[in-house]
Amino acid sequence: DEGFLDSFRELYPTTPYAYTFWTYMMNARAKNVGWRLD
């Protein structure tokens, strides 16, 4: 709100399953059970 933009969502506002972090547990990365933190 202070005049900045999230570059990824600016270009891909509705793209799902786009994550940058996955716990090492429960085979999360292979299942793409993740978070976009970066």
ModelCIF file with pLDDT and N, C-alpha, C, O atoms, coordinates in Angstrom:
data_MODEL
#
_entry.id   MODEL 
#
_entity.id                         1 
_entity.type                       polymer 
_entity.pdbx_number_of_molecules   1 
#
_entity_poly.entity_id                      1 
_entity_poly.type                           'polypeptide(L)' 
_entity_poly.nstd_linkage                   no 
_entity_poly.nstd_monomer                   no 
_entity_poly.pdbx_seq_one_letter_code       DEGFLDSFRELYPTTPYAYTFWTYMMNARAKNVGWRLD 
_entity_poly.pdbx_seq_one_letter_code_can   DEGFLDSFRELYPTTPYAYTFWTYMMNARAKNVGWRLD 
_entity_poly.pdbx_strand_id                 A 
#
loop_
_entity_poly_seq.entity_id 
_entity_poly_seq.num 
_entity_poly_seq.mon_id 
_entity_poly_seq.hetero 
1 1  ASP n 
1 2  GLU n 
1 3  GLY n 
1 4  PHE n 
1 5  LEU n 
1 6  ASP n 
1 7  SER n 
1 8  PHE n 
1 9  ARG n 
1 10 GLU n 
1 11 LEU n 
1 12 TYR n 
1 13 PRO n 
1 14 THR n 
1 15 THR n 
1 16 PRO n 
1 17 TYR n 
1 18 ALA n 
1 19 TYR n 
1 20 THR n 
1 21 PHE n 
1 22 TRP n 
1 23 THR n 
1 24 TYR n 
1 25 MET n 
1 26 MET n 
1 27 ASN n 
1 28 ALA n 
1 29 ARG n 
1 30 ALA n 
1 31 LYS n 
1 32 ASN n 
1 33 VAL n 
1 34 GLY n 
1 35 TRP n 
1 36 ARG n 
1 37 LEU n 
1 38 ASP n 
#
_struct_asym.id          A 
_struct_asym.entity_id   1 
#
loop_
_ma_qa_metric.id 
_ma_qa_metric.mode 
_ma_qa_metric.name 
_ma_qa_metric.software_group_id 
_ma_qa_metric.type 
1 global pLDDT . pLDDT 
2 local  pLDDT . pLDDT 
#
_ma_qa_metric_global.metric_id      1 
_ma_qa_metric_global.metric_value   97.29 
_ma_qa_metric_global.model_id       1 
_ma_qa_metric_global.ordinal_id     1 
#
loop_
_ma_qa_metric_local.label_asym_id 
_ma_qa_metric_local.label_comp_id 
_ma_qa_metric_local.label_seq_id 
_ma_qa_metric_local.metric_id 
_ma_qa_metric_local.metric_value 
_ma_qa_metric_local.model_id 
_ma_qa_metric_local.ordinal_id 
A ASP 1  2 98.00 1 1  
A GLU 2  2 97.00 1 2  
A GLY 3  2 97.00 1 3  
A PHE 4  2 98.00 1 4  
A LEU 5  2 98.00 1 5  
A ASP 6  2 99.00 1 6  
A SER 7  2 98.00 1 7  
A PHE 8  2 98.00 1 8  
A ARG 9  2 98.00 1 9  
A GLU 10 2 98.00 1 10 
A LEU 11 2 98.00 1 11 
A TYR 12 2 97.00 1 12 
A PRO 13 2 98.00 1 13 
A THR 14 2 97.00 1 14 
A THR 15 2 97.00 1 15 
A PRO 16 2 97.00 1 16 
A TYR 17 2 98.00 1 17 
A ALA 18 2 98.00 1 18 
A TYR 19 2 98.00 1 19 
A THR 20 2 98.00 1 20 
A PHE 21 2 98.00 1 21 
A TRP 22 2 98.00 1 22 
A THR 23 2 97.00 1 23 
A TYR 24 2 95.00 1 24 
A MET 25 2 95.00 1 25 
A MET 26 2 94.00 1 26 
A ASN 27 2 95.00 1 27 
A ALA 28 2 97.00 1 28 
A ARG 29 2 97.00 1 29 
A ALA 30 2 96.00 1 30 
A LYS 31 2 96.00 1 31 
A ASN 32 2 97.00 1 32 
A VAL 33 2 97.00 1 33 
A GLY 34 2 98.00 1 34 
A TRP 35 2 98.00 1 35 
A ARG 36 2 98.00 1 36 
A LEU 37 2 98.00 1 37 
A ASP 38 2 98.00 1 38 
#
loop_
_atom_site.group_PDB 
_atom_site.id 
_atom_site.type_symbol 
_atom_site.label_atom_id 
_atom_site.label_alt_id 
_atom_site.label_comp_id 
_atom_site.label_asym_id 
_atom_site.label_entity_id 
_atom_site.label_seq_id 
_atom_site.pdbx_PDB_ins_code 
_atom_site.Cartn_x 
_atom_site.Cartn_y 
_atom_site.Cartn_z 
_atom_site.occupancy 
_atom_site.B_iso_or_equiv 
_atom_site.pdbx_formal_charge 
_atom_site.auth_seq_id 
_atom_site.auth_comp_id 
_atom_site.auth_asym_id 
_atom_site.auth_atom_id 
_atom_site.pdbx_PDB_model_num 
ATOM 1   N N  . ASP A 1 1  ? 0.815  -1.220  0.000   1.00 98.00 ? 1  ASP A N  1 
ATOM 2   C CA . ASP A 1 1  ? 0.000  0.000   0.000   1.00 98.00 ? 1  ASP A CA 1 
ATOM 3   C C  . ASP A 1 1  ? 0.845  1.264   0.000   1.00 98.00 ? 1  ASP A C  1 
ATOM 4   O O  . ASP A 1 1  ? 0.351  2.348   -0.313  1.00 98.00 ? 1  ASP A O  1 
ATOM 5   N N  . GLU A 1 2  ? 2.125  1.124   0.353   1.00 97.00 ? 2  GLU A N  1 
ATOM 6   C CA . GLU A 1 2  ? 3.013  2.295   0.383   1.00 97.00 ? 2  GLU A CA 1 
ATOM 7   C C  . GLU A 1 2  ? 3.630  2.592   -0.980  1.00 97.00 ? 2  GLU A C  1 
ATOM 8   O O  . GLU A 1 2  ? 4.477  3.479   -1.089  1.00 97.00 ? 2  GLU A O  1 
ATOM 9   N N  . GLY A 1 3  ? 3.226  1.874   -2.012  1.00 97.00 ? 3  GLY A N  1 
ATOM 10  C CA . GLY A 1 3  ? 3.717  2.181   -3.347  1.00 97.00 ? 3  GLY A CA 1 
ATOM 11  C C  . GLY A 1 3  ? 4.648  1.137   -3.926  1.00 97.00 ? 3  GLY A C  1 
ATOM 12  O O  . GLY A 1 3  ? 5.491  1.446   -4.767  1.00 97.00 ? 3  GLY A O  1 
ATOM 13  N N  . PHE A 1 4  ? 4.495  -0.111  -3.471  1.00 98.00 ? 4  PHE A N  1 
ATOM 14  C CA . PHE A 1 4  ? 5.328  -1.200  -3.965  1.00 98.00 ? 4  PHE A CA 1 
ATOM 15  C C  . PHE A 1 4  ? 4.447  -2.288  -4.571  1.00 98.00 ? 4  PHE A C  1 
ATOM 16  O O  . PHE A 1 4  ? 3.239  -2.316  -4.335  1.00 98.00 ? 4  PHE A O  1 
ATOM 17  N N  . LEU A 1 5  ? 5.044  -3.175  -5.344  1.00 98.00 ? 5  LEU A N  1 
ATOM 18  C CA . LEU A 1 5  ? 4.283  -4.268  -5.951  1.00 98.00 ? 5  LEU A CA 1 
ATOM 19  C C  . LEU A 1 5  ? 5.060  -5.572  -5.868  1.00 98.00 ? 5  LEU A C  1 
ATOM 20  O O  . LEU A 1 5  ? 6.290  -5.596  -5.915  1.00 98.00 ? 5  LEU A O  1 
ATOM 21  N N  . ASP A 1 6  ? 4.311  -6.644  -5.746  1.00 99.00 ? 6  ASP A N  1 
ATOM 22  C CA . ASP A 1 6  ? 4.827  -8.008  -5.743  1.00 99.00 ? 6  ASP A CA 1 
ATOM 23  C C  . ASP A 1 6  ? 4.980  -8.412  -7.203  1.00 99.00 ? 6  ASP A C  1 
ATOM 24  O O  . ASP A 1 6  ? 3.985  -8.650  -7.887  1.00 99.00 ? 6  ASP A O  1 
ATOM 25  N N  . SER A 1 7  ? 6.211  -8.491  -7.684  1.00 98.00 ? 7  SER A N  1 
ATOM 26  C CA . SER A 1 7  ? 6.448  -8.645  -9.123  1.00 98.00 ? 7  SER A CA 1 
ATOM 27  C C  . SER A 1 7  ? 5.837  -9.927  -9.679  1.00 98.00 ? 7  SER A C  1 
ATOM 28  O O  . SER A 1 7  ? 5.314  -9.929  -10.794 1.00 98.00 ? 7  SER A O  1 
ATOM 29  N N  . PHE A 1 8  ? 5.899  -11.019 -8.913  1.00 98.00 ? 8  PHE A N  1 
ATOM 30  C CA . PHE A 1 8  ? 5.354  -12.280 -9.428  1.00 98.00 ? 8  PHE A CA 1 
ATOM 31  C C  . PHE A 1 8  ? 3.840  -12.181 -9.591  1.00 98.00 ? 8  PHE A C  1 
ATOM 32  O O  . PHE A 1 8  ? 3.309  -12.542 -10.642 1.00 98.00 ? 8  PHE A O  1 
ATOM 33  N N  . ARG A 1 9  ? 3.145  -11.700 -8.573  1.00 98.00 ? 9  ARG A N  1 
ATOM 34  C CA . ARG A 1 9  ? 1.687  -11.598 -8.672  1.00 98.00 ? 9  ARG A CA 1 
ATOM 35  C C  . ARG A 1 9  ? 1.250  -10.484 -9.616  1.00 98.00 ? 9  ARG A C  1 
ATOM 36  O O  . ARG A 1 9  ? 0.130  -10.511 -10.126 1.00 98.00 ? 9  ARG A O  1 
ATOM 37  N N  . GLU A 1 10 ? 2.107  -9.520  -9.849  1.00 98.00 ? 10 GLU A N  1 
ATOM 38  C CA . GLU A 1 10 ? 1.798  -8.499  -10.853 1.00 98.00 ? 10 GLU A CA 1 
ATOM 39  C C  . GLU A 1 10 ? 1.668  -9.137  -12.226 1.00 98.00 ? 10 GLU A C  1 
ATOM 40  O O  . GLU A 1 10 ? 0.806  -8.753  -13.017 1.00 98.00 ? 10 GLU A O  1 
ATOM 41  N N  . LEU A 1 11 ? 2.522  -10.108 -12.507 1.00 98.00 ? 11 LEU A N  1 
ATOM 42  C CA . LEU A 1 11 ? 2.516  -10.764 -13.814 1.00 98.00 ? 11 LEU A CA 1 
ATOM 43  C C  . LEU A 1 11 ? 1.660  -12.027 -13.853 1.00 98.00 ? 11 LEU A C  1 
ATOM 44  O O  . LEU A 1 11 ? 1.112  -12.384 -14.896 1.00 98.00 ? 11 LEU A O  1 
ATOM 45  N N  . TYR A 1 12 ? 1.553  -12.693 -12.716 1.00 97.00 ? 12 TYR A N  1 
ATOM 46  C CA . TYR A 1 12 ? 0.837  -13.971 -12.656 1.00 97.00 ? 12 TYR A CA 1 
ATOM 47  C C  . TYR A 1 12 ? -0.157 -13.962 -11.489 1.00 97.00 ? 12 TYR A C  1 
ATOM 48  O O  . TYR A 1 12 ? 0.013  -14.709 -10.525 1.00 97.00 ? 12 TYR A O  1 
ATOM 49  N N  . PRO A 1 13 ? -1.187 -13.126 -11.573 1.00 98.00 ? 13 PRO A N  1 
ATOM 50  C CA . PRO A 1 13 ? -2.069 -12.913 -10.414 1.00 98.00 ? 13 PRO A CA 1 
ATOM 51  C C  . PRO A 1 13 ? -2.860 -14.134 -9.970  1.00 98.00 ? 13 PRO A C  1 
ATOM 52  O O  . PRO A 1 13 ? -3.219 -14.234 -8.796  1.00 98.00 ? 13 PRO A O  1 
ATOM 53  N N  . THR A 1 14 ? -3.139 -15.060 -10.872 1.00 97.00 ? 14 THR A N  1 
ATOM 54  C CA . THR A 1 14 ? -3.976 -16.208 -10.509 1.00 97.00 ? 14 THR A CA 1 
ATOM 55  C C  . THR A 1 14 ? -3.269 -17.546 -10.668 1.00 97.00 ? 14 THR A C  1 
ATOM 56  O O  . THR A 1 14 ? -3.917 -18.590 -10.591 1.00 97.00 ? 14 THR A O  1 
ATOM 57  N N  . THR A 1 15 ? -1.965 -17.542 -10.887 1.00 97.00 ? 15 THR A N  1 
ATOM 58  C CA . THR A 1 15 ? -1.233 -18.796 -11.080 1.00 97.00 ? 15 THR A CA 1 
ATOM 59  C C  . THR A 1 15 ? -1.110 -19.543 -9.763  1.00 97.00 ? 15 THR A C  1 
ATOM 60  O O  . THR A 1 15 ? -0.537 -19.009 -8.813  1.00 97.00 ? 15 THR A O  1 
ATOM 61  N N  . PRO A 1 16 ? -1.631 -20.770 -9.677  1.00 97.00 ? 16 PRO A N  1 
ATOM 62  C CA . PRO A 1 16 ? -1.584 -21.523 -8.421  1.00 97.00 ? 16 PRO A CA 1 
ATOM 63  C C  . PRO A 1 16 ? -0.336 -22.393 -8.296  1.00 97.00 ? 16 PRO A C  1 
ATOM 64  O O  . PRO A 1 16 ? 0.415  -22.568 -9.256  1.00 97.00 ? 16 PRO A O  1 
ATOM 65  N N  . TYR A 1 17 ? -0.133 -22.923 -7.116  1.00 98.00 ? 17 TYR A N  1 
ATOM 66  C CA . TYR A 1 17 ? 0.906  -23.924 -6.831  1.00 98.00 ? 17 TYR A CA 1 
ATOM 67  C C  . TYR A 1 17 ? 2.313  -23.398 -7.073  1.00 98.00 ? 17 TYR A C  1 
ATOM 68  O O  . TYR A 1 17 ? 3.237  -24.180 -7.295  1.00 98.00 ? 17 TYR A O  1 
ATOM 69  N N  . ALA A 1 18 ? 2.482  -22.089 -7.034  1.00 98.00 ? 18 ALA A N  1 
ATOM 70  C CA . ALA A 1 18 ? 3.794  -21.471 -7.274  1.00 98.00 ? 18 ALA A CA 1 
ATOM 71  C C  . ALA A 1 18 ? 4.451  -21.215 -5.918  1.00 98.00 ? 18 ALA A C  1 
ATOM 72  O O  . ALA A 1 18 ? 4.214  -20.186 -5.286  1.00 98.00 ? 18 ALA A O  1 
ATOM 73  N N  . TYR A 1 19 ? 5.271  -22.152 -5.487  1.00 98.00 ? 19 TYR A N  1 
ATOM 74  C CA . TYR A 1 19 ? 5.864  -22.088 -4.159  1.00 98.00 ? 19 TYR A CA 1 
ATOM 75  C C  . TYR A 1 19 ? 7.386  -21.995 -4.242  1.00 98.00 ? 19 TYR A C  1 
ATOM 76  O O  . TYR A 1 19 ? 7.993  -22.363 -5.248  1.00 98.00 ? 19 TYR A O  1 
ATOM 77  N N  . THR A 1 20 ? 7.991  -21.491 -3.156  1.00 98.00 ? 20 THR A N  1 
ATOM 78  C CA . THR A 1 20 ? 9.451  -21.375 -3.115  1.00 98.00 ? 20 THR A CA 1 
ATOM 79  C C  . THR A 1 20 ? 10.065 -22.061 -1.907  1.00 98.00 ? 20 THR A C  1 
ATOM 80  O O  . THR A 1 20 ? 11.288 -22.127 -1.786  1.00 98.00 ? 20 THR A O  1 
ATOM 81  N N  . PHE A 1 21 ? 9.220  -22.579 -1.002  1.00 98.00 ? 21 PHE A N  1 
ATOM 82  C CA . PHE A 1 21 ? 9.706  -23.265 0.199   1.00 98.00 ? 21 PHE A CA 1 
ATOM 83  C C  . PHE A 1 21 ? 8.887  -24.523 0.443   1.00 98.00 ? 21 PHE A C  1 
ATOM 84  O O  . PHE A 1 21 ? 7.664  -24.526 0.297   1.00 98.00 ? 21 PHE A O  1 
ATOM 85  N N  . TRP A 1 22 ? 9.585  -25.597 0.821   1.00 98.00 ? 22 TRP A N  1 
ATOM 86  C CA . TRP A 1 22 ? 8.943  -26.858 1.172   1.00 98.00 ? 22 TRP A CA 1 
ATOM 87  C C  . TRP A 1 22 ? 9.673  -27.430 2.384   1.00 98.00 ? 22 TRP A C  1 
ATOM 88  O O  . TRP A 1 22 ? 10.902 -27.508 2.388   1.00 98.00 ? 22 TRP A O  1 
ATOM 89  N N  . THR A 1 23 ? 8.926  -27.830 3.411   1.00 97.00 ? 23 THR A N  1 
ATOM 90  C CA . THR A 1 23 ? 9.572  -28.484 4.542   1.00 97.00 ? 23 THR A CA 1 
ATOM 91  C C  . THR A 1 23 ? 10.279 -29.754 4.065   1.00 97.00 ? 23 THR A C  1 
ATOM 92  O O  . THR A 1 23 ? 9.863  -30.392 3.098   1.00 97.00 ? 23 THR A O  1 
ATOM 93  N N  . TYR A 1 24 ? 11.357 -30.100 4.766   1.00 95.00 ? 24 TYR A N  1 
ATOM 94  C CA . TYR A 1 24 ? 12.058 -31.340 4.444   1.00 95.00 ? 24 TYR A CA 1 
ATOM 95  C C  . TYR A 1 24 ? 11.241 -32.569 4.827   1.00 95.00 ? 24 TYR A C  1 
ATOM 96  O O  . TYR A 1 24 ? 11.561 -33.682 4.409   1.00 95.00 ? 24 TYR A O  1 
ATOM 97  N N  . MET A 1 25 ? 10.204 -32.378 5.608   1.00 95.00 ? 25 MET A N  1 
ATOM 98  C CA . MET A 1 25 ? 9.441  -33.501 6.129   1.00 95.00 ? 25 MET A CA 1 
ATOM 99  C C  . MET A 1 25 ? 8.321  -33.916 5.179   1.00 95.00 ? 25 MET A C  1 
ATOM 100 O O  . MET A 1 25 ? 7.902  -33.146 4.316   1.00 95.00 ? 25 MET A O  1 
ATOM 101 N N  . MET A 1 26 ? 7.848  -35.146 5.354   1.00 94.00 ? 26 MET A N  1 
ATOM 102 C CA . MET A 1 26 ? 6.635  -35.655 4.691   1.00 94.00 ? 26 MET A CA 1 
ATOM 103 C C  . MET A 1 26 ? 6.699  -35.616 3.166   1.00 94.00 ? 26 MET A C  1 
ATOM 104 O O  . MET A 1 26 ? 5.667  -35.571 2.497   1.00 94.00 ? 26 MET A O  1 
ATOM 105 N N  . ASN A 1 27 ? 7.914  -35.633 2.622   1.00 95.00 ? 27 ASN A N  1 
ATOM 106 C CA . ASN A 1 27 ? 8.078  -35.636 1.170   1.00 95.00 ? 27 ASN A CA 1 
ATOM 107 C C  . ASN A 1 27 ? 7.356  -34.459 0.523   1.00 95.00 ? 27 ASN A C  1 
ATOM 108 O O  . ASN A 1 27 ? 6.806  -34.577 -0.573  1.00 95.00 ? 27 ASN A O  1 
ATOM 109 N N  . ALA A 1 28 ? 7.368  -33.317 1.222   1.00 97.00 ? 28 ALA A N  1 
ATOM 110 C CA . ALA A 1 28 ? 6.560  -32.168 0.814   1.00 97.00 ? 28 ALA A CA 1 
ATOM 111 C C  . ALA A 1 28 ? 6.950  -31.628 -0.565  1.00 97.00 ? 28 ALA A C  1 
ATOM 112 O O  . ALA A 1 28 ? 6.085  -31.225 -1.343  1.00 97.00 ? 28 ALA A O  1 
ATOM 113 N N  . ARG A 1 29 ? 8.232  -31.622 -0.861  1.00 97.00 ? 29 ARG A N  1 
ATOM 114 C CA . ARG A 1 29 ? 8.635  -31.031 -2.141  1.00 97.00 ? 29 ARG A CA 1 
ATOM 115 C C  . ARG A 1 29 ? 8.168  -31.872 -3.318  1.00 97.00 ? 29 ARG A C  1 
ATOM 116 O O  . ARG A 1 29 ? 7.707  -31.331 -4.324  1.00 97.00 ? 29 ARG A O  1 
ATOM 117 N N  . ALA A 1 30 ? 8.282  -33.193 -3.202  1.00 96.00 ? 30 ALA A N  1 
ATOM 118 C CA . ALA A 1 30 ? 7.824  -34.072 -4.290  1.00 96.00 ? 30 ALA A CA 1 
ATOM 119 C C  . ALA A 1 30 ? 6.326  -33.924 -4.517  1.00 96.00 ? 30 ALA A C  1 
ATOM 120 O O  . ALA A 1 30 ? 5.844  -34.077 -5.639  1.00 96.00 ? 30 ALA A O  1 
ATOM 121 N N  . LYS A 1 31 ? 5.594  -33.628 -3.449  1.00 96.00 ? 31 LYS A N  1 
ATOM 122 C CA . LYS A 1 31 ? 4.146  -33.436 -3.558  1.00 96.00 ? 31 LYS A CA 1 
ATOM 123 C C  . LYS A 1 31 ? 3.769  -31.990 -3.850  1.00 96.00 ? 31 LYS A C  1 
ATOM 124 O O  . LYS A 1 31 ? 2.594  -31.675 -4.040  1.00 96.00 ? 31 LYS A O  1 
ATOM 125 N N  . ASN A 1 32 ? 4.771  -31.112 -3.886  1.00 97.00 ? 32 ASN A N  1 
ATOM 126 C CA . ASN A 1 32 ? 4.573  -29.669 -4.049  1.00 97.00 ? 32 ASN A CA 1 
ATOM 127 C C  . ASN A 1 32 ? 3.601  -29.118 -2.999  1.00 97.00 ? 32 ASN A C  1 
ATOM 128 O O  . ASN A 1 32 ? 2.689  -28.354 -3.314  1.00 97.00 ? 32 ASN A O  1 
ATOM 129 N N  . VAL A 1 33 ? 3.818  -29.520 -1.769  1.00 97.00 ? 33 VAL A N  1 
ATOM 130 C CA . VAL A 1 33 ? 3.073  -28.958 -0.640  1.00 97.00 ? 33 VAL A CA 1 
ATOM 131 C C  . VAL A 1 33 ? 3.968  -27.870 -0.046  1.00 97.00 ? 33 VAL A C  1 
ATOM 132 O O  . VAL A 1 33 ? 4.782  -28.133 0.839   1.00 97.00 ? 33 VAL A O  1 
ATOM 133 N N  . GLY A 1 34 ? 3.805  -26.653 -0.543  1.00 98.00 ? 34 GLY A N  1 
ATOM 134 C CA . GLY A 1 34 ? 4.761  -25.609 -0.202  1.00 98.00 ? 34 GLY A CA 1 
ATOM 135 C C  . GLY A 1 34 ? 4.154  -24.263 0.103   1.00 98.00 ? 34 GLY A C  1 
ATOM 136 O O  . GLY A 1 34 ? 2.941  -24.104 0.234   1.00 98.00 ? 34 GLY A O  1 
ATOM 137 N N  . TRP A 1 35 ? 5.057  -23.293 0.211   1.00 98.00 ? 35 TRP A N  1 
ATOM 138 C CA . TRP A 1 35 ? 4.730  -21.891 0.510   1.00 98.00 ? 35 TRP A CA 1 
ATOM 139 C C  . TRP A 1 35 ? 5.519  -20.989 -0.439  1.00 98.00 ? 35 TRP A C  1 
ATOM 140 O O  . TRP A 1 35 ? 6.639  -21.330 -0.821  1.00 98.00 ? 35 TRP A O  1 
ATOM 141 N N  . ARG A 1 36 ? 4.960  -19.863 -0.817  1.00 98.00 ? 36 ARG A N  1 
ATOM 142 C CA . ARG A 1 36 ? 5.727  -18.833 -1.533  1.00 98.00 ? 36 ARG A CA 1 
ATOM 143 C C  . ARG A 1 36 ? 6.165  -17.797 -0.507  1.00 98.00 ? 36 ARG A C  1 
ATOM 144 O O  . ARG A 1 36 ? 5.373  -16.967 -0.060  1.00 98.00 ? 36 ARG A O  1 
ATOM 145 N N  . LEU A 1 37 ? 7.444  -17.864 -0.143  1.00 98.00 ? 37 LEU A N  1 
ATOM 146 C CA . LEU A 1 37 ? 8.004  -16.979 0.875   1.00 98.00 ? 37 LEU A CA 1 
ATOM 147 C C  . LEU A 1 37 ? 9.048  -16.024 0.312   1.00 98.00 ? 37 LEU A C  1 
ATOM 148 O O  . LEU A 1 37 ? 9.465  -15.088 0.995   1.00 98.00 ? 37 LEU A O  1 
ATOM 149 N N  . ASP A 1 38 ? 9.472  -16.251 -0.928  1.00 98.00 ? 38 ASP A N  1 
ATOM 150 C CA . ASP A 1 38 ? 10.579 -15.490 -1.526  1.00 98.00 ? 38 ASP A CA 1 
ATOM 151 C C  . ASP A 1 38 ? 10.042 -14.580 -2.619  1.00 98.00 ? 38 ASP A C  1 
ATOM 152 O O  . ASP A 1 38 ? 10.810 -13.852 -3.250  1.00 98.00 ? 38 ASP A O  1 
#
